[in-house]
Amino acid sequence: MVAVPTPRTAPGREALDAIVAEPGRAVVAVDFDGTLAPIVADPEQARAHPGAVPALSRLAPRLCAVAVITGRPVEAAVRYGGFEGAAGLDHLTVLGAYGAERWDAATGTVRRPEPPVEIENLRRELPTLLEELRAPEGTWVEDKGRALAVHTRRAEDPAGAFALLREPLAALAERHGLRAEPGRMVMELRPHGVDKGAALAEFVRAAGAGAVLYAGDDLGDLAAFSAVEKLRGEGVPGLLVCSGSDEVTELAERADLTVNGPAGVVDLLERLADSLR
């Protein structure tokens, strides 16, 4: 049996010890894109790492709960993750649209409220803005239902296209009372108060968890990191894991443990499952 990597910080080591000591009171939560699934040019082609479902299936029965928290619509995350019908995942919950949507593996049910009117208005205005800005070829819009994401990864100069669009998109979001959050060659426009931190905190408290591990890779995961840090202040040990990336350094600087992308996350989950046998 290969040991779980040792976190570099004291709070991280405390949290790992708490998870191993009482796994039945622990929650493991992970982001999807860049954490369970490799980043690809076309988000519709993203699929979970081949080892993700087997690792989660081994780990989930030993824990209080497991959650995947993503900005994607919940049904897309379930489909791209291959979670539906997977053995051992009765304790898995997928929180889509930053927690606004929910799918529980035990029942297969989906909870999905109507999109806010601000998103409907944005959906009508965004194409005109992109045309006026002469957005470079390869720029495209991903409609997430309760959010819109403008991607530049397919452009000839992804960073240049992102720099061109960043401020106008932020101004557009502000006019509609929305939040603009930058990511890895993507700007996501969504309602205020909707983020992975709020979703994670609510899930952990509802589960009555005594410890939590959260793994993410992008700027959108900083809110979840902050939620874990707040939970620590309330006496709930928390382990922060960064799915390492050359494009984003902010998470690595705050993480207790950095692993090598989705393959490293899967390896960590496997090692954690081994340690709980």
Protein backbone atom coordinates (compact mmCIF):
# COMPACT_ATOMS: atom_id res chain seq x y z
CA MET A 1 0.00 0.00 0.00
CA VAL A 2 1.38 3.41 -1.03
CA ALA A 3 0.95 6.16 1.55
CA VAL A 4 -1.13 9.29 0.98
CA PRO A 5 1.18 12.26 0.21
CA THR A 6 1.91 14.40 3.27
CA PRO A 7 0.38 17.91 3.11
CA ARG A 8 2.93 20.71 3.43
CA THR A 9 0.93 22.63 6.07
CA ALA A 10 -0.07 21.83 9.65
CA PRO A 11 -3.83 22.43 9.00
CA GLY A 12 -3.61 20.11 6.00
CA ARG A 13 -1.93 17.37 8.00
CA GLU A 14 -4.51 17.77 10.78
CA ALA A 15 -7.33 17.41 8.25
CA LEU A 16 -5.83 14.32 6.62
CA ASP A 17 -5.42 12.72 10.05
CA ALA A 18 -9.07 13.51 10.86
CA ILE A 19 -10.30 12.01 7.57
CA VAL A 20 -8.31 8.80 8.08
CA ALA A 21 -9.31 8.52 11.74
CA GLU A 22 -13.06 8.97 11.16
CA PRO A 23 -13.85 8.55 7.45
CA GLY A 24 -17.54 8.08 8.19
CA ARG A 25 -17.67 11.76 9.21
CA ALA A 26 -15.65 13.07 6.27
CA VAL A 27 -16.72 14.75 3.04
CA VAL A 28 -14.56 14.67 -0.10
CA ALA A 29 -15.54 17.25 -2.70
CA VAL A 30 -13.90 17.85 -6.08
CA ASP A 31 -14.24 20.15 -9.06
CA PHE A 32 -14.84 18.55 -12.47
CA ASP A 33 -12.98 20.28 -15.33
CA GLY A 34 -9.24 20.32 -14.71
CA THR A 35 -9.62 18.24 -11.56
CA LEU A 36 -11.46 15.03 -12.47
CA ALA A 37 -11.36 15.70 -16.22
CA PRO A 38 -8.46 17.05 -18.29
CA ILE A 39 -8.95 20.50 -19.82
CA VAL A 40 -9.74 20.26 -23.54
CA ALA A 41 -10.33 22.85 -26.27
CA ASP A 42 -14.01 21.87 -26.59
CA PRO A 43 -15.70 21.54 -23.16
CA GLU A 44 -18.33 19.29 -24.70
CA GLN A 45 -15.58 16.74 -25.34
CA ALA A 46 -14.40 16.73 -21.71
CA ARG A 47 -14.61 13.38 -19.98
CA ALA A 48 -13.54 12.25 -16.54
CA HIS A 49 -10.13 10.63 -16.23
CA PRO A 50 -10.57 6.85 -16.79
CA GLY A 51 -9.58 6.20 -13.19
CA ALA A 52 -11.93 8.77 -11.65
CA VAL A 53 -15.09 6.68 -11.30
CA PRO A 54 -13.24 3.56 -10.03
CA ALA A 55 -11.41 5.69 -7.44
CA LEU A 56 -14.57 7.43 -6.28
CA SER A 57 -16.43 4.10 -6.19
CA ARG A 58 -13.82 2.69 -3.84
CA LEU A 59 -13.70 5.78 -1.67
CA ALA A 60 -17.35 6.85 -1.42
CA PRO A 61 -18.70 3.91 0.62
CA ARG A 62 -16.15 4.65 3.36
CA LEU A 63 -17.10 8.34 3.70
CA CYS A 64 -20.00 10.40 4.95
CA ALA A 65 -20.46 11.84 1.45
CA VAL A 66 -18.71 12.65 -1.82
CA ALA A 67 -19.56 15.65 -4.00
CA VAL A 68 -18.59 16.92 -7.43
CA ILE A 69 -19.05 20.70 -7.55
CA THR A 70 -19.03 22.31 -10.99
CA GLY A 71 -20.24 25.27 -12.98
CA ARG A 72 -21.57 22.92 -15.63
CA PRO A 73 -25.26 21.99 -15.85
CA VAL A 74 -25.69 19.03 -13.56
CA GLU A 75 -26.86 16.60 -16.23
CA ALA A 76 -23.83 17.35 -18.41
CA ALA A 77 -21.48 16.75 -15.48
CA VAL A 78 -23.18 13.43 -14.67
CA ARG A 79 -23.00 12.34 -18.31
CA TYR A 80 -19.40 13.47 -18.94
CA GLY A 81 -18.31 12.00 -15.62
CA GLY A 82 -19.91 8.62 -16.25
CA PHE A 83 -21.40 8.70 -12.75
CA GLU A 84 -24.91 7.37 -13.40
CA GLY A 85 -25.29 3.70 -12.51
CA ALA A 86 -21.70 3.35 -11.29
CA ALA A 87 -21.36 0.79 -8.50
CA GLY A 88 -20.38 2.14 -5.09
CA LEU A 89 -21.46 5.73 -5.75
CA ASP A 90 -24.66 5.82 -3.70
CA HIS A 91 -23.06 8.52 -1.54
CA LEU A 92 -22.21 10.74 -4.52
CA THR A 93 -23.90 14.09 -5.12
CA VAL A 94 -23.22 16.31 -8.13
CA LEU A 95 -23.81 20.01 -7.53
CA GLY A 96 -24.09 21.70 -10.91
CA ALA A 97 -24.39 25.40 -11.82
CA TYR A 98 -22.36 26.16 -8.67
CA GLY A 99 -24.86 24.41 -6.43
CA ALA A 100 -28.09 25.71 -7.99
CA GLU A 101 -28.66 22.26 -9.50
CA ARG A 102 -28.31 18.94 -7.69
CA TRP A 103 -28.20 15.27 -8.69
CA ASP A 104 -28.07 12.47 -6.11
CA ALA A 105 -26.77 9.10 -7.26
CA ALA A 106 -28.87 7.22 -4.72
CA THR A 107 -32.13 8.38 -6.33
CA GLY A 108 -31.08 9.67 -9.74
CA THR A 109 -33.23 12.74 -9.19
CA VAL A 110 -32.33 16.22 -10.44
CA ARG A 111 -33.28 19.52 -8.79
CA ARG A 112 -33.11 22.44 -11.23
CA PRO A 113 -34.67 25.88 -10.68
CA GLU A 114 -35.51 28.24 -13.53
CA PRO A 115 -32.68 30.45 -14.85
CA PRO A 116 -32.71 34.04 -13.55
CA VAL A 117 -34.09 36.73 -15.88
CA GLU A 118 -30.68 38.47 -15.91
CA ILE A 119 -29.21 35.50 -17.76
CA GLU A 120 -32.02 35.59 -20.32
CA ASN A 121 -31.27 39.28 -20.99
CA LEU A 122 -27.54 38.57 -21.22
CA ARG A 123 -28.15 35.74 -23.66
CA ARG A 124 -29.78 38.20 -26.07
CA GLU A 125 -27.11 40.94 -25.77
CA LEU A 126 -23.86 38.95 -25.67
CA PRO A 127 -23.68 38.00 -29.40
CA THR A 128 -24.01 41.66 -30.38
CA LEU A 129 -21.16 42.68 -28.05
CA LEU A 130 -18.86 39.97 -29.41
CA GLU A 131 -19.62 41.10 -32.95
CA GLU A 132 -18.91 44.75 -32.09
CA LEU A 133 -15.59 43.77 -30.48
CA ARG A 134 -14.67 41.66 -33.50
CA ALA A 135 -13.97 38.73 -31.25
CA PRO A 136 -11.23 36.61 -32.86
CA GLU A 137 -12.16 33.49 -34.76
CA GLY A 138 -12.33 30.57 -32.36
CA THR A 139 -14.03 32.58 -29.62
CA TRP A 140 -17.25 30.85 -28.63
CA VAL A 141 -19.99 30.95 -25.99
CA GLU A 142 -20.91 28.00 -23.78
CA ASP A 143 -24.49 28.27 -22.52
CA LYS A 144 -24.64 26.69 -19.07
CA GLY A 145 -28.29 27.50 -18.47
CA ARG A 146 -27.76 29.63 -15.38
CA ALA A 147 -24.49 31.15 -16.67
CA LEU A 148 -22.75 31.99 -19.95
CA ALA A 149 -19.06 31.32 -20.49
CA VAL A 150 -17.00 32.96 -23.24
CA HIS A 151 -14.05 30.74 -24.24
CA THR A 152 -10.94 31.81 -26.16
CA ARG A 153 -8.87 28.61 -25.98
CA ARG A 154 -9.68 27.78 -29.62
CA ALA A 155 -8.50 31.18 -30.92
CA GLU A 156 -5.16 31.51 -32.72
CA ASP A 157 -3.94 33.70 -29.84
CA PRO A 158 -6.00 32.56 -26.81
CA ALA A 159 -4.35 34.94 -24.33
CA GLY A 160 -4.66 37.91 -26.68
CA ALA A 161 -8.32 37.19 -27.37
CA PHE A 162 -8.99 36.86 -23.65
CA ALA A 163 -7.28 40.19 -22.95
CA LEU A 164 -9.39 41.86 -25.65
CA LEU A 165 -12.67 40.59 -24.22
CA ARG A 166 -12.05 40.60 -20.48
CA GLU A 167 -12.94 44.20 -19.59
CA PRO A 168 -15.93 44.57 -21.97
CA LEU A 169 -17.40 41.31 -20.67
CA ALA A 170 -16.93 42.46 -17.08
CA ALA A 171 -18.71 45.72 -17.92
CA LEU A 172 -21.54 43.83 -19.62
CA ALA A 173 -21.97 41.59 -16.58
CA GLU A 174 -22.08 44.60 -14.28
CA ARG A 175 -24.79 46.28 -16.39
CA HIS A 176 -26.93 43.19 -15.97
CA GLY A 177 -26.25 42.84 -12.24
CA LEU A 178 -24.12 39.77 -12.80
CA ARG A 179 -20.64 38.64 -11.81
CA ALA A 180 -17.81 38.10 -14.30
CA GLU A 181 -15.28 35.49 -13.17
CA PRO A 182 -12.12 34.80 -15.20
CA GLY A 183 -10.76 31.29 -15.59
CA ARG A 184 -8.39 29.35 -17.82
CA MET A 185 -8.99 31.18 -21.15
CA VAL A 186 -12.64 31.65 -20.22
CA MET A 187 -14.77 34.41 -18.72
CA GLU A 188 -17.92 33.22 -16.99
CA LEU A 189 -20.89 35.52 -16.41
CA ARG A 190 -23.29 34.43 -13.67
CA PRO A 191 -25.43 35.72 -10.76
CA HIS A 192 -23.80 37.11 -7.63
CA GLY A 193 -23.75 34.89 -4.54
CA VAL A 194 -23.53 31.72 -6.64
CA ASP A 195 -20.15 30.04 -6.28
CA LYS A 196 -18.47 26.80 -5.28
CA GLY A 197 -17.74 28.13 -1.80
CA ALA A 198 -21.39 28.63 -0.93
CA ALA A 199 -22.28 25.26 -2.43
CA LEU A 200 -19.50 23.48 -0.54
CA ALA A 201 -20.23 25.11 2.82
CA GLU A 202 -23.93 24.28 2.59
CA PHE A 203 -23.20 20.68 1.60
CA VAL A 204 -20.66 20.12 4.40
CA ARG A 205 -22.95 21.58 7.05
CA ALA A 206 -25.97 19.62 5.84
CA ALA A 207 -23.91 16.42 5.98
CA GLY A 208 -22.78 17.18 9.53
CA ALA A 209 -19.22 16.47 8.43
CA GLY A 210 -16.34 16.40 10.87
CA ALA A 211 -13.68 16.95 8.19
CA VAL A 212 -13.53 17.94 4.53
CA LEU A 213 -11.18 17.61 1.55
CA TYR A 214 -11.66 19.87 -1.46
CA ALA A 215 -9.75 19.59 -4.75
CA GLY A 216 -9.82 22.17 -7.55
CA ASP A 217 -7.68 23.68 -10.29
CA ASP A 218 -8.94 27.14 -11.31
CA LEU A 219 -9.79 30.62 -10.04
CA GLY A 220 -13.42 29.54 -9.58
CA ASP A 221 -12.19 27.14 -6.89
CA LEU A 222 -10.78 29.95 -4.73
CA ALA A 223 -14.25 30.46 -3.22
CA ALA A 224 -14.30 26.80 -2.17
CA PHE A 225 -10.82 27.18 -0.68
CA SER A 226 -12.10 30.17 1.32
CA ALA A 227 -15.09 28.13 2.50
CA VAL A 228 -12.77 25.38 3.76
CA GLU A 229 -10.63 27.96 5.56
CA LYS A 230 -13.76 29.36 7.21
CA LEU A 231 -14.85 25.87 8.24
CA ARG A 232 -11.44 25.37 9.83
CA GLY A 233 -12.16 28.42 11.97
CA GLU A 234 -15.38 26.74 13.06
CA GLY A 235 -13.52 23.61 14.15
CA VAL A 236 -13.95 21.47 11.00
CA PRO A 237 -10.52 20.31 9.73
CA GLY A 238 -10.09 20.91 6.00
CA LEU A 239 -7.57 19.74 3.40
CA LEU A 240 -7.04 21.96 0.32
CA VAL A 241 -5.78 20.16 -2.79
CA CYS A 242 -4.65 21.87 -6.00
CA SER A 243 -4.84 19.96 -9.26
CA GLY A 244 -1.62 21.55 -10.52
CA SER A 245 -1.54 23.77 -13.59
CA ASP A 246 0.99 26.09 -15.19
CA GLU A 247 -1.88 28.45 -16.08
CA VAL A 248 -3.11 29.07 -12.51
CA THR A 249 -0.78 29.59 -9.55
CA GLU A 250 -3.12 31.17 -7.00
CA LEU A 251 -4.54 27.83 -5.88
CA ALA A 252 -1.14 26.19 -5.53
CA GLU A 253 0.00 29.01 -3.27
CA ARG A 254 -2.95 28.43 -0.90
CA ALA A 255 -3.16 24.65 -1.16
CA ASP A 256 -1.99 22.22 1.50
CA LEU A 257 -1.17 19.69 -1.21
CA THR A 258 -0.55 20.02 -4.96
CA VAL A 259 -0.89 17.06 -7.32
CA ASN A 260 -0.23 16.66 -11.04
CA GLY A 261 -3.60 17.37 -12.66
CA PRO A 262 -6.51 14.91 -12.93
CA ALA A 263 -4.15 11.91 -12.96
CA GLY A 264 -2.68 13.16 -9.69
CA VAL A 265 -6.15 13.69 -8.21
CA VAL A 266 -7.16 10.15 -9.13
CA ASP A 267 -3.95 8.81 -7.61
CA LEU A 268 -4.65 10.74 -4.41
CA LEU A 269 -8.19 9.37 -4.18
CA GLU A 270 -6.89 5.83 -4.74
CA ARG A 271 -4.26 6.22 -2.04
CA LEU A 272 -6.83 7.67 0.34
CA ALA A 273 -9.13 4.71 -0.31
CA ASP A 274 -6.25 2.32 0.35
CA SER A 275 -5.51 4.07 3.66
CA LEU A 276 -9.13 3.59 4.81
CA ARG A 277 -9.27 -0.17 4.28
